[in-house]
Amino acid sequence: MAKHVLIIATSANKLENGHATGLWLEEFAAPYLQFEKQGYKVTVASIEGGDVPIDANSLEDGLSQEILDTQTLLKNTVRLDQVADDSYDAVFLPGGHGTVVDFPDSETLQRVVRDVYESGNVVAAVCHGPIGLVNVTLSNGEPLVKDKQVTGFTDAEEREMQLESAVPFLLESALREKGGKFDGADNWAVNVAVDERLVTGQNPQSSERVAEEVVKLLN
């Protein structure tokens, strides 16, 4: 039976200040391609369904054709609540600044993450994707990230992007406030934290490594 992975993408195309954003393509594409090569069944959903907005800055020169071609998978995606009750071996949250708008308060996303985690399966996220973990509460009332090694887009990286005032809150600070043991590396360094079945990556550069760790856990 093939492993089943759910990838949840943002549906938000701008920040509150109007700054255009969306999904960061590599954070979706690199893991998707690894999961596909493993023969996993992959469901691509988004918060609102339909076409996923892609941050134009993520379509930089030098991306492989294989990564660029995954954009077709982001057309007409299924809405998360329509696939929320299926069972998954892993749930993966790619980032992009769009996630800061629609991930933190999505009760459906929180429920899916909690259900996957509490059923003994894998939860993974990269860059801004872990913002979807901040408000996840387990059945025992504890935050998912409490006392766990986690990482994500650092406050220093957000400041370097000059978007610290455009986001609702800083991800690193929020993970720390929820009791996460935050492990930050230098800006743009590849950095992945693995705590049993919770896998998080710091930035776009960490996307491939996060996927590799998910594959290790699933296989």
N, C-alpha and C. Protein backbone atom coordinates (compact mmCIF):
# COMPACT_ATOMS: atom_id res chain seq x y z
N MET A 1 0.86 -1.20 0.00
CA MET A 1 0.00 0.00 0.00
C MET A 1 0.90 1.25 0.00
N ALA A 2 0.73 2.09 -1.00
CA ALA A 2 1.58 3.30 -1.09
C ALA A 2 1.29 4.25 0.07
N LYS A 3 2.33 4.88 0.57
CA LYS A 3 2.15 5.90 1.60
C LYS A 3 1.39 7.08 1.00
N HIS A 4 0.59 7.73 1.82
CA HIS A 4 -0.24 8.85 1.35
C HIS A 4 0.18 10.13 2.06
N VAL A 5 0.62 11.11 1.29
CA VAL A 5 1.08 12.38 1.84
C VAL A 5 0.13 13.50 1.41
N LEU A 6 -0.26 14.32 2.36
CA LEU A 6 -1.08 15.50 2.07
C LEU A 6 -0.19 16.74 2.12
N ILE A 7 -0.16 17.49 1.03
CA ILE A 7 0.55 18.77 1.01
C ILE A 7 -0.51 19.87 1.05
N ILE A 8 -0.38 20.79 2.01
CA ILE A 8 -1.34 21.89 2.15
C ILE A 8 -0.67 23.20 1.79
N ALA A 9 -1.20 23.87 0.77
CA ALA A 9 -0.62 25.14 0.32
C ALA A 9 -1.50 26.32 0.74
N THR A 10 -0.88 27.48 0.78
CA THR A 10 -1.61 28.71 1.08
C THR A 10 -2.52 29.10 -0.09
N SER A 11 -3.55 29.87 0.21
CA SER A 11 -4.40 30.45 -0.83
C SER A 11 -4.27 31.97 -0.85
N ALA A 12 -3.43 32.52 0.02
CA ALA A 12 -3.34 33.99 0.16
C ALA A 12 -2.31 34.57 -0.81
N ASN A 13 -2.71 35.60 -1.54
CA ASN A 13 -1.81 36.19 -2.54
C ASN A 13 -1.24 37.54 -2.13
N LYS A 14 -1.64 38.03 -0.94
CA LYS A 14 -1.00 39.27 -0.48
C LYS A 14 -1.06 39.38 1.04
N LEU A 15 -0.09 40.14 1.58
CA LEU A 15 -0.06 40.40 3.02
C LEU A 15 -1.04 41.53 3.32
N GLU A 16 -1.24 41.78 4.60
CA GLU A 16 -2.21 42.81 4.99
C GLU A 16 -1.85 44.19 4.46
N ASN A 17 -0.53 44.43 4.26
CA ASN A 17 -0.11 45.74 3.75
C ASN A 17 -0.15 45.81 2.23
N GLY A 18 -0.69 44.73 1.60
CA GLY A 18 -0.81 44.72 0.15
C GLY A 18 0.37 44.11 -0.58
N HIS A 19 1.44 43.77 0.15
CA HIS A 19 2.64 43.17 -0.45
C HIS A 19 2.25 41.84 -1.12
N ALA A 20 2.53 41.72 -2.42
CA ALA A 20 2.17 40.51 -3.16
C ALA A 20 2.99 39.32 -2.68
N THR A 21 2.33 38.19 -2.51
CA THR A 21 3.02 37.00 -2.01
C THR A 21 2.31 35.75 -2.51
N GLY A 22 2.45 34.67 -1.80
CA GLY A 22 1.84 33.40 -2.18
C GLY A 22 2.68 32.26 -1.65
N LEU A 23 2.70 31.16 -2.40
CA LEU A 23 3.50 29.99 -2.10
C LEU A 23 4.91 30.18 -2.65
N TRP A 24 5.93 29.71 -1.92
CA TRP A 24 7.29 29.72 -2.46
C TRP A 24 7.49 28.40 -3.20
N LEU A 25 7.64 28.47 -4.53
CA LEU A 25 7.52 27.28 -5.36
C LEU A 25 8.43 26.13 -4.95
N GLU A 26 9.72 26.42 -4.71
CA GLU A 26 10.67 25.34 -4.41
C GLU A 26 10.28 24.56 -3.16
N GLU A 27 9.65 25.24 -2.21
CA GLU A 27 9.28 24.59 -0.95
C GLU A 27 8.17 23.56 -1.16
N PHE A 28 7.41 23.75 -2.22
CA PHE A 28 6.41 22.75 -2.62
C PHE A 28 7.03 21.72 -3.54
N ALA A 29 7.75 22.22 -4.56
CA ALA A 29 8.20 21.37 -5.66
C ALA A 29 9.24 20.34 -5.25
N ALA A 30 10.28 20.77 -4.51
CA ALA A 30 11.35 19.84 -4.17
C ALA A 30 10.82 18.65 -3.35
N PRO A 31 10.00 18.90 -2.30
CA PRO A 31 9.43 17.77 -1.57
C PRO A 31 8.46 16.95 -2.43
N TYR A 32 7.61 17.61 -3.19
CA TYR A 32 6.65 16.86 -4.03
C TYR A 32 7.39 15.87 -4.92
N LEU A 33 8.45 16.34 -5.56
CA LEU A 33 9.18 15.48 -6.50
C LEU A 33 9.82 14.30 -5.77
N GLN A 34 10.32 14.54 -4.56
CA GLN A 34 10.90 13.43 -3.79
C GLN A 34 9.83 12.41 -3.42
N PHE A 35 8.67 12.91 -2.99
CA PHE A 35 7.60 11.99 -2.59
C PHE A 35 7.12 11.17 -3.79
N GLU A 36 7.04 11.83 -4.94
CA GLU A 36 6.59 11.15 -6.15
C GLU A 36 7.59 10.05 -6.54
N LYS A 37 8.88 10.37 -6.42
CA LYS A 37 9.92 9.38 -6.78
C LYS A 37 9.86 8.16 -5.87
N GLN A 38 9.37 8.35 -4.65
CA GLN A 38 9.23 7.22 -3.72
C GLN A 38 7.98 6.39 -4.03
N GLY A 39 7.16 6.88 -4.95
CA GLY A 39 5.93 6.16 -5.28
C GLY A 39 4.79 6.45 -4.32
N TYR A 40 4.93 7.50 -3.52
CA TYR A 40 3.83 7.86 -2.60
C TYR A 40 2.65 8.42 -3.38
N LYS A 41 1.47 8.25 -2.82
CA LYS A 41 0.29 8.95 -3.31
C LYS A 41 0.34 10.34 -2.68
N VAL A 42 0.26 11.39 -3.49
CA VAL A 42 0.34 12.76 -2.95
C VAL A 42 -0.94 13.51 -3.30
N THR A 43 -1.59 14.03 -2.27
CA THR A 43 -2.76 14.90 -2.47
C THR A 43 -2.31 16.34 -2.23
N VAL A 44 -2.56 17.19 -3.21
CA VAL A 44 -2.21 18.61 -3.09
C VAL A 44 -3.50 19.39 -2.83
N ALA A 45 -3.59 19.99 -1.65
CA ALA A 45 -4.77 20.78 -1.28
C ALA A 45 -4.33 22.19 -0.94
N SER A 46 -5.29 23.11 -0.92
CA SER A 46 -5.01 24.47 -0.45
C SER A 46 -6.15 24.91 0.45
N ILE A 47 -5.92 25.96 1.19
CA ILE A 47 -6.91 26.40 2.18
C ILE A 47 -8.27 26.67 1.53
N GLU A 48 -8.27 27.39 0.40
CA GLU A 48 -9.53 27.76 -0.26
C GLU A 48 -9.83 26.93 -1.50
N GLY A 49 -8.88 26.10 -1.93
CA GLY A 49 -9.06 25.38 -3.18
C GLY A 49 -8.78 26.28 -4.37
N GLY A 50 -8.80 25.70 -5.58
CA GLY A 50 -8.56 26.49 -6.78
C GLY A 50 -7.08 26.68 -7.03
N ASP A 51 -6.74 27.73 -7.79
CA ASP A 51 -5.35 27.98 -8.17
C ASP A 51 -4.56 28.56 -6.99
N VAL A 52 -3.43 27.97 -6.71
CA VAL A 52 -2.56 28.45 -5.63
C VAL A 52 -1.72 29.61 -6.15
N PRO A 53 -1.74 30.77 -5.47
CA PRO A 53 -0.88 31.88 -5.90
C PRO A 53 0.58 31.55 -5.63
N ILE A 54 1.43 31.83 -6.59
CA ILE A 54 2.86 31.56 -6.44
C ILE A 54 3.60 32.89 -6.33
N ASP A 55 4.42 33.02 -5.30
CA ASP A 55 5.20 34.24 -5.11
C ASP A 55 6.13 34.40 -6.31
N ALA A 56 5.98 35.51 -7.02
CA ALA A 56 6.78 35.75 -8.23
C ALA A 56 8.27 35.70 -7.95
N ASN A 57 8.67 36.10 -6.74
CA ASN A 57 10.10 36.09 -6.39
C ASN A 57 10.68 34.68 -6.32
N SER A 58 9.79 33.69 -6.22
CA SER A 58 10.29 32.31 -6.12
C SER A 58 10.53 31.69 -7.51
N LEU A 59 10.16 32.43 -8.55
CA LEU A 59 10.37 31.92 -9.92
C LEU A 59 11.67 32.48 -10.49
N GLU A 60 12.71 32.43 -9.66
CA GLU A 60 13.97 33.04 -10.06
C GLU A 60 14.70 32.18 -11.09
N ASP A 61 15.69 32.79 -11.72
CA ASP A 61 16.51 32.04 -12.69
C ASP A 61 17.19 30.88 -11.98
N GLY A 62 17.44 29.84 -12.74
CA GLY A 62 18.22 28.74 -12.17
C GLY A 62 17.37 27.60 -11.64
N LEU A 63 16.04 27.76 -11.59
CA LEU A 63 15.20 26.65 -11.16
C LEU A 63 15.17 25.62 -12.29
N SER A 64 15.21 24.35 -11.91
CA SER A 64 15.18 23.31 -12.93
C SER A 64 13.81 23.27 -13.59
N GLN A 65 13.78 22.75 -14.82
CA GLN A 65 12.50 22.62 -15.53
C GLN A 65 11.56 21.72 -14.74
N GLU A 66 12.14 20.70 -14.08
CA GLU A 66 11.33 19.77 -13.29
C GLU A 66 10.57 20.51 -12.19
N ILE A 67 11.25 21.46 -11.54
CA ILE A 67 10.60 22.24 -10.49
C ILE A 67 9.56 23.19 -11.10
N LEU A 68 9.92 23.85 -12.18
CA LEU A 68 8.97 24.77 -12.83
C LEU A 68 7.72 24.03 -13.30
N ASP A 69 7.88 22.80 -13.75
CA ASP A 69 6.74 22.03 -14.28
C ASP A 69 5.72 21.68 -13.20
N THR A 70 6.13 21.72 -11.93
CA THR A 70 5.17 21.37 -10.87
C THR A 70 4.09 22.43 -10.70
N GLN A 71 4.26 23.58 -11.34
CA GLN A 71 3.24 24.62 -11.24
C GLN A 71 1.87 24.13 -11.72
N THR A 72 1.88 23.19 -12.66
CA THR A 72 0.59 22.68 -13.17
C THR A 72 -0.20 21.98 -12.06
N LEU A 73 0.51 21.44 -11.06
CA LEU A 73 -0.16 20.74 -9.95
C LEU A 73 -0.86 21.71 -9.01
N LEU A 74 -0.53 23.01 -9.16
CA LEU A 74 -1.09 24.03 -8.26
C LEU A 74 -2.29 24.74 -8.88
N LYS A 75 -2.72 24.23 -10.04
CA LYS A 75 -3.93 24.75 -10.68
C LYS A 75 -5.12 23.94 -10.17
N ASN A 76 -6.17 24.63 -9.84
CA ASN A 76 -7.42 23.96 -9.48
C ASN A 76 -7.24 22.89 -8.39
N THR A 77 -6.55 23.27 -7.32
CA THR A 77 -6.35 22.33 -6.20
C THR A 77 -7.66 22.10 -5.45
N VAL A 78 -7.71 20.99 -4.76
CA VAL A 78 -8.87 20.66 -3.94
C VAL A 78 -8.84 21.51 -2.66
N ARG A 79 -10.01 21.89 -2.16
CA ARG A 79 -10.07 22.67 -0.93
C ARG A 79 -9.81 21.75 0.26
N LEU A 80 -9.03 22.23 1.20
CA LEU A 80 -8.59 21.40 2.33
C LEU A 80 -9.74 20.70 3.03
N ASP A 81 -10.82 21.41 3.28
CA ASP A 81 -11.90 20.77 4.07
C ASP A 81 -12.55 19.60 3.33
N GLN A 82 -12.32 19.50 2.02
CA GLN A 82 -12.90 18.39 1.25
C GLN A 82 -12.10 17.09 1.38
N VAL A 83 -10.85 17.22 1.84
CA VAL A 83 -10.01 16.02 1.99
C VAL A 83 -9.50 15.87 3.42
N ALA A 84 -10.02 16.69 4.32
CA ALA A 84 -9.51 16.73 5.69
C ALA A 84 -9.74 15.44 6.46
N ASP A 85 -10.75 14.68 6.09
CA ASP A 85 -11.09 13.49 6.87
C ASP A 85 -10.47 12.20 6.33
N ASP A 86 -9.70 12.31 5.25
CA ASP A 86 -9.00 11.13 4.75
C ASP A 86 -7.85 10.81 5.70
N SER A 87 -7.28 9.61 5.57
CA SER A 87 -6.15 9.28 6.45
C SER A 87 -4.85 9.44 5.67
N TYR A 88 -3.84 9.98 6.37
CA TYR A 88 -2.56 10.30 5.74
C TYR A 88 -1.41 9.76 6.58
N ASP A 89 -0.36 9.35 5.88
CA ASP A 89 0.86 8.92 6.57
C ASP A 89 1.73 10.12 6.93
N ALA A 90 1.53 11.22 6.21
CA ALA A 90 2.28 12.45 6.51
C ALA A 90 1.50 13.64 5.99
N VAL A 91 1.65 14.77 6.69
CA VAL A 91 1.13 16.05 6.20
C VAL A 91 2.32 16.99 6.10
N PHE A 92 2.38 17.73 4.99
CA PHE A 92 3.51 18.61 4.74
C PHE A 92 3.02 20.02 4.43
N LEU A 93 3.61 21.02 5.12
CA LEU A 93 3.22 22.41 4.94
C LEU A 93 4.38 23.20 4.33
N PRO A 94 4.33 23.47 3.01
CA PRO A 94 5.33 24.36 2.42
C PRO A 94 5.01 25.80 2.79
N GLY A 95 6.01 26.66 2.66
CA GLY A 95 5.81 28.04 3.10
C GLY A 95 5.55 29.02 1.97
N GLY A 96 6.21 30.16 2.06
CA GLY A 96 5.82 31.33 1.29
C GLY A 96 5.07 32.24 2.25
N HIS A 97 5.22 33.54 2.07
CA HIS A 97 4.60 34.48 3.02
C HIS A 97 3.08 34.41 3.04
N GLY A 98 2.47 33.82 2.01
CA GLY A 98 1.02 33.68 2.03
C GLY A 98 0.52 32.93 3.25
N THR A 99 1.34 32.00 3.73
CA THR A 99 0.92 31.17 4.87
C THR A 99 0.67 31.99 6.13
N VAL A 100 1.36 33.14 6.26
CA VAL A 100 1.18 33.92 7.49
C VAL A 100 -0.22 34.49 7.56
N VAL A 101 -0.90 34.55 6.40
CA VAL A 101 -2.25 35.11 6.33
C VAL A 101 -3.32 34.06 6.65
N ASP A 102 -3.18 32.86 6.03
CA ASP A 102 -4.31 31.92 6.15
C ASP A 102 -4.02 30.62 6.89
N PHE A 103 -2.76 30.38 7.31
CA PHE A 103 -2.48 29.16 8.07
C PHE A 103 -2.80 29.27 9.56
N PRO A 104 -2.41 30.38 10.24
CA PRO A 104 -2.50 30.37 11.71
C PRO A 104 -3.91 30.15 12.25
N ASP A 105 -4.93 30.66 11.56
CA ASP A 105 -6.29 30.58 12.11
C ASP A 105 -7.17 29.56 11.42
N SER A 106 -6.57 28.71 10.58
CA SER A 106 -7.36 27.68 9.90
C SER A 106 -7.61 26.51 10.85
N GLU A 107 -8.85 26.41 11.32
CA GLU A 107 -9.18 25.32 12.24
C GLU A 107 -9.10 23.97 11.54
N THR A 108 -9.41 23.96 10.24
CA THR A 108 -9.32 22.70 9.48
C THR A 108 -7.88 22.23 9.42
N LEU A 109 -6.97 23.14 9.12
CA LEU A 109 -5.54 22.78 9.07
C LEU A 109 -5.08 22.27 10.43
N GLN A 110 -5.47 22.97 11.49
CA GLN A 110 -5.06 22.55 12.84
C GLN A 110 -5.57 21.14 13.15
N ARG A 111 -6.81 20.86 12.75
CA ARG A 111 -7.41 19.55 13.02
C ARG A 111 -6.68 18.45 12.25
N VAL A 112 -6.39 18.72 10.98
CA VAL A 112 -5.68 17.73 10.16
C VAL A 112 -4.31 17.42 10.76
N VAL A 113 -3.57 18.48 11.11
CA VAL A 113 -2.23 18.28 11.68
C VAL A 113 -2.32 17.48 12.98
N ARG A 114 -3.25 17.84 13.84
CA ARG A 114 -3.40 17.12 15.11
C ARG A 114 -3.75 15.65 14.86
N ASP A 115 -4.71 15.42 13.94
CA ASP A 115 -5.14 14.03 13.69
C ASP A 115 -4.00 13.19 13.13
N VAL A 116 -3.24 13.75 12.19
CA VAL A 116 -2.12 13.01 11.61
C VAL A 116 -1.09 12.70 12.69
N TYR A 117 -0.77 13.70 13.50
CA TYR A 117 0.25 13.51 14.54
C TYR A 117 -0.21 12.50 15.59
N GLU A 118 -1.45 12.64 16.03
CA GLU A 118 -1.93 11.77 17.11
C GLU A 118 -2.21 10.35 16.63
N SER A 119 -2.28 10.16 15.32
CA SER A 119 -2.44 8.79 14.81
C SER A 119 -1.08 8.13 14.59
N GLY A 120 -0.01 8.79 15.05
CA GLY A 120 1.32 8.19 15.00
C GLY A 120 2.06 8.43 13.70
N ASN A 121 1.58 9.42 12.92
CA ASN A 121 2.18 9.69 11.63
C ASN A 121 2.99 10.99 11.63
N VAL A 122 3.48 11.38 10.45
CA VAL A 122 4.51 12.41 10.34
C VAL A 122 3.91 13.78 10.01
N VAL A 123 4.39 14.81 10.71
CA VAL A 123 4.02 16.20 10.42
C VAL A 123 5.31 16.92 10.04
N ALA A 124 5.28 17.61 8.88
CA ALA A 124 6.47 18.31 8.42
C ALA A 124 6.10 19.67 7.85
N ALA A 125 7.03 20.62 7.95
CA ALA A 125 6.78 21.97 7.44
C ALA A 125 8.12 22.64 7.19
N VAL A 126 8.13 23.61 6.26
CA VAL A 126 9.39 24.29 5.94
C VAL A 126 9.17 25.79 5.81
N CYS A 127 10.16 26.56 6.24
CA CYS A 127 10.22 28.01 6.10
C CYS A 127 9.08 28.70 6.87
N HIS A 128 8.11 29.30 6.18
CA HIS A 128 6.95 29.86 6.87
C HIS A 128 5.86 28.82 7.12
N GLY A 129 6.01 27.64 6.54
CA GLY A 129 5.02 26.58 6.75
C GLY A 129 4.75 26.27 8.22
N PRO A 130 5.80 26.27 9.08
CA PRO A 130 5.57 25.97 10.49
C PRO A 130 4.64 26.96 11.20
N ILE A 131 4.29 28.07 10.52
CA ILE A 131 3.33 28.99 11.14
C ILE A 131 1.98 28.29 11.29
N GLY A 132 1.77 27.24 10.48
CA GLY A 132 0.57 26.44 10.61
C GLY A 132 0.57 25.52 11.82
N LEU A 133 1.73 25.37 12.47
CA LEU A 133 1.84 24.52 13.66
C LEU A 133 1.66 25.30 14.95
N VAL A 134 1.83 26.62 14.87
CA VAL A 134 1.87 27.46 16.08
C VAL A 134 0.62 27.28 16.94
N ASN A 135 -0.56 27.24 16.30
CA ASN A 135 -1.81 27.18 17.07
C ASN A 135 -2.41 25.79 17.15
N VAL A 136 -1.63 24.76 16.80
CA VAL A 136 -2.13 23.38 16.90
C VAL A 136 -2.04 22.93 18.35
N THR A 137 -3.17 22.52 18.89
CA THR A 137 -3.24 22.01 20.26
C THR A 137 -3.59 20.53 20.22
N LEU A 138 -2.85 19.72 20.95
CA LEU A 138 -3.12 18.29 21.00
C LEU A 138 -4.32 18.01 21.90
N SER A 139 -4.80 16.77 21.87
CA SER A 139 -5.98 16.41 22.66
C SER A 139 -5.78 16.61 24.15
N ASN A 140 -4.51 16.59 24.59
CA ASN A 140 -4.24 16.79 26.02
C ASN A 140 -4.17 18.27 26.40
N GLY A 141 -4.45 19.15 25.42
CA GLY A 141 -4.45 20.58 25.70
C GLY A 141 -3.10 21.27 25.53
N GLU A 142 -2.06 20.49 25.26
CA GLU A 142 -0.72 21.05 25.10
C GLU A 142 -0.49 21.49 23.65
N PRO A 143 0.29 22.56 23.43
CA PRO A 143 0.67 22.91 22.06
C PRO A 143 1.49 21.78 21.43
N LEU A 144 1.26 21.52 20.16
CA LEU A 144 2.01 20.49 19.45
C LEU A 144 3.52 20.68 19.60
N VAL A 145 3.97 21.94 19.50
CA VAL A 145 5.42 22.19 19.46
C VAL A 145 6.08 22.23 20.85
N LYS A 146 5.27 22.17 21.90
CA LYS A 146 5.83 22.32 23.25
C LYS A 146 6.90 21.25 23.54
N ASP A 147 8.07 21.73 24.00
CA ASP A 147 9.19 20.86 24.37
C ASP A 147 9.76 20.07 23.18
N LYS A 148 9.44 20.48 21.96
CA LYS A 148 9.98 19.78 20.79
C LYS A 148 11.00 20.66 20.07
N GLN A 149 12.01 20.01 19.49
CA GLN A 149 12.98 20.71 18.66
C GLN A 149 12.27 21.15 17.38
N VAL A 150 12.28 22.43 17.11
CA VAL A 150 11.63 22.94 15.90
C VAL A 150 12.50 24.04 15.29
N THR A 151 12.26 24.29 14.02
CA THR A 151 12.85 25.45 13.37
C THR A 151 11.84 26.01 12.37
N GLY A 152 12.23 27.07 11.72
CA GLY A 152 11.36 27.75 10.76
C GLY A 152 12.05 29.04 10.37
N PHE A 153 11.39 29.83 9.56
CA PHE A 153 11.96 31.11 9.12
C PHE A 153 12.28 31.95 10.36
N THR A 154 13.53 32.35 10.50
CA THR A 154 13.95 33.00 11.74
C THR A 154 13.57 34.48 11.75
N ASP A 155 13.54 35.03 12.95
CA ASP A 155 13.27 36.47 13.07
C ASP A 155 14.32 37.27 12.32
N ALA A 156 15.58 36.78 12.35
CA ALA A 156 16.66 37.49 11.65
C ALA A 156 16.45 37.46 10.14
N GLU A 157 15.97 36.33 9.63
CA GLU A 157 15.70 36.24 8.18
C GLU A 157 14.55 37.17 7.80
N GLU A 158 13.52 37.22 8.66
CA GLU A 158 12.37 38.10 8.39
C GLU A 158 12.82 39.56 8.35
N ARG A 159 13.73 39.92 9.27
CA ARG A 159 14.23 41.30 9.29
C ARG A 159 15.07 41.59 8.05
N GLU A 160 15.85 40.60 7.63
CA GLU A 160 16.66 40.81 6.43
C GLU A 160 15.75 41.04 5.20
N MET A 161 14.60 40.39 5.19
CA MET A 161 13.62 40.57 4.10
C MET A 161 12.86 41.89 4.24
N GLN A 162 13.01 42.54 5.41
CA GLN A 162 12.32 43.79 5.73
C GLN A 162 10.80 43.63 5.70
N LEU A 163 10.36 42.45 6.14
CA LEU A 163 8.91 42.19 6.18
C LEU A 163 8.43 41.94 7.61
N GLU A 164 9.30 42.25 8.60
CA GLU A 164 8.91 41.94 9.99
C GLU A 164 7.68 42.72 10.43
N SER A 165 7.45 43.90 9.84
CA SER A 165 6.27 44.67 10.24
C SER A 165 5.05 44.32 9.40
N ALA A 166 5.24 43.53 8.33
CA ALA A 166 4.13 43.18 7.44
C ALA A 166 3.47 41.86 7.83
N VAL A 167 4.15 41.08 8.69
CA VAL A 167 3.59 39.79 9.10
C VAL A 167 2.85 39.96 10.42
N PRO A 168 1.82 39.12 10.67
CA PRO A 168 1.04 39.29 11.91
C PRO A 168 1.85 39.03 13.17
N PHE A 169 2.83 38.14 13.07
CA PHE A 169 3.75 37.88 14.17
C PHE A 169 4.99 37.19 13.61
N LEU A 170 6.06 37.23 14.36
CA LEU A 170 7.31 36.59 13.93
C LEU A 170 7.26 35.11 14.29
N LEU A 171 7.56 34.27 13.32
CA LEU A 171 7.40 32.82 13.49
C LEU A 171 8.30 32.26 14.58
N GLU A 172 9.57 32.60 14.54
CA GLU A 172 10.49 32.07 15.56
C GLU A 172 10.00 32.43 16.96
N SER A 173 9.66 33.70 17.16
CA SER A 173 9.19 34.16 18.48
C SER A 173 7.94 33.39 18.90
N ALA A 174 7.03 33.18 17.95
CA ALA A 174 5.77 32.49 18.28
C ALA A 174 6.02 31.03 18.66
N LEU A 175 6.92 30.36 17.94
CA LEU A 175 7.23 28.96 18.28
C LEU A 175 7.87 28.87 19.66
N ARG A 176 8.72 29.83 19.97
CA ARG A 176 9.33 29.86 21.31
C ARG A 176 8.26 30.09 22.39
N GLU A 177 7.33 31.00 22.11
CA GLU A 177 6.27 31.31 23.10
C GLU A 177 5.41 30.09 23.39
N LYS A 178 5.25 29.21 22.38
CA LYS A 178 4.44 28.00 22.58
C LYS A 178 5.24 26.87 23.21
N GLY A 179 6.49 27.16 23.58
CA GLY A 179 7.30 26.16 24.26
C GLY A 179 8.19 25.34 23.36
N GLY A 180 8.25 25.71 22.07
CA GLY A 180 9.13 24.99 21.16
C GLY A 180 10.59 25.28 21.47
N LYS A 181 11.43 24.26 21.32
CA LYS A 181 12.88 24.46 21.49
C LYS A 181 13.42 24.85 20.12
N PHE A 182 13.44 26.15 19.86
CA PHE A 182 13.75 26.64 18.52
C PHE A 182 15.23 26.54 18.22
N ASP A 183 15.54 25.96 17.06
CA ASP A 183 16.92 25.78 16.63
C ASP A 183 17.14 26.59 15.36
N GLY A 184 17.73 27.76 15.49
CA GLY A 184 17.98 28.61 14.33
C GLY A 184 19.44 28.56 13.91
N ALA A 185 19.67 28.57 12.60
CA ALA A 185 21.04 28.63 12.07
C ALA A 185 21.23 30.00 11.42
N ASP A 186 22.39 30.21 10.81
CA ASP A 186 22.64 31.46 10.10
C ASP A 186 21.59 31.67 9.02
N ASN A 187 21.36 32.92 8.66
CA ASN A 187 20.41 33.23 7.60
C ASN A 187 20.73 32.44 6.34
N TRP A 188 19.72 31.78 5.81
CA TRP A 188 19.76 31.05 4.53
C TRP A 188 20.62 29.79 4.57
N ALA A 189 21.05 29.38 5.75
CA ALA A 189 21.78 28.11 5.87
C ALA A 189 20.77 26.96 5.87
N VAL A 190 21.17 25.83 5.30
CA VAL A 190 20.30 24.65 5.35
C VAL A 190 20.22 24.18 6.81
N ASN A 191 19.01 24.07 7.33
CA ASN A 191 18.84 23.69 8.73
C ASN A 191 17.51 22.97 8.90
N VAL A 192 17.57 21.76 9.44
CA VAL A 192 16.37 20.95 9.64
C VAL A 192 16.36 20.43 11.07
N ALA A 193 15.21 20.50 11.71
CA ALA A 193 15.05 19.94 13.05
C ALA A 193 14.12 18.73 12.96
N VAL A 194 14.56 17.63 13.56
CA VAL A 194 13.73 16.42 13.60
C VAL A 194 13.50 16.05 15.05
N ASP A 195 12.25 16.00 15.46
CA ASP A 195 11.91 15.55 16.81
C ASP A 195 10.88 14.43 16.68
N GLU A 196 11.39 13.20 16.69
CA GLU A 196 10.55 12.02 16.45
C GLU A 196 9.79 12.19 15.13
N ARG A 197 8.47 12.42 15.17
CA ARG A 197 7.67 12.48 13.93
C ARG A 197 7.36 13.91 13.49
N LEU A 198 8.07 14.88 14.06
CA LEU A 198 7.90 16.28 13.68
C LEU A 198 9.17 16.76 12.97
N VAL A 199 9.03 17.18 11.72
CA VAL A 199 10.18 17.60 10.92
C VAL A 199 9.94 19.03 10.44
N THR A 200 10.89 19.93 10.74
CA THR A 200 10.74 21.32 10.31
C THR A 200 12.04 21.81 9.69
N GLY A 201 11.90 22.70 8.70
CA GLY A 201 13.06 23.27 8.02
C GLY A 201 13.02 24.78 8.08
N GLN A 202 14.18 25.40 8.06
CA GLN A 202 14.28 26.84 8.35
C GLN A 202 13.88 27.74 7.20
N ASN A 203 14.19 27.37 5.97
CA ASN A 203 14.08 28.32 4.86
C ASN A 203 13.98 27.54 3.55
N PRO A 204 13.82 28.23 2.40
CA PRO A 204 13.70 27.50 1.13
C PRO A 204 14.86 26.54 0.88
N GLN A 205 16.04 26.95 1.30
CA GLN A 205 17.24 26.13 1.09
C GLN A 205 17.14 24.76 1.79
N SER A 206 16.26 24.67 2.78
CA SER A 206 16.12 23.45 3.58
C SER A 206 15.05 22.50 3.06
N SER A 207 14.37 22.88 1.97
CA SER A 207 13.21 22.10 1.49
C SER A 207 13.56 20.65 1.17
N GLU A 208 14.66 20.46 0.46
CA GLU A 208 15.02 19.11 0.05
C GLU A 208 15.37 18.23 1.24
N ARG A 209 16.11 18.81 2.19
CA ARG A 209 16.50 18.05 3.39
C ARG A 209 15.28 17.67 4.22
N VAL A 210 14.32 18.56 4.33
CA VAL A 210 13.09 18.23 5.07
C VAL A 210 12.42 17.03 4.43
N ALA A 211 12.31 17.06 3.11
CA ALA A 211 11.67 15.95 2.40
C ALA A 211 12.44 14.65 2.61
N GLU A 212 13.77 14.72 2.60
CA GLU A 212 14.59 13.53 2.82
C GLU A 212 14.30 12.92 4.20
N GLU A 213 14.15 13.79 5.20
CA GLU A 213 13.87 13.30 6.57
C GLU A 213 12.46 12.67 6.64
N VAL A 214 11.51 13.24 5.92
CA VAL A 214 10.16 12.67 5.88
C VAL A 214 10.21 11.27 5.25
N VAL A 215 10.95 11.18 4.15
CA VAL A 215 11.08 9.88 3.45
C VAL A 215 11.70 8.84 4.39
N LYS A 216 12.73 9.24 5.14
CA LYS A 216 13.37 8.31 6.10
C LYS A 216 12.35 7.78 7.09
N LEU A 217 11.52 8.68 7.61
CA LEU A 217 10.52 8.29 8.61
C LEU A 217 9.45 7.39 8.00
N LEU A 218 9.04 7.69 6.78
CA LEU A 218 7.97 6.92 6.14
C LEU A 218 8.43 5.55 5.66
N ASN A 219 9.73 5.44 5.34
CA ASN A 219 10.22 4.17 4.80
C ASN A 219 10.77 3.27 5.90
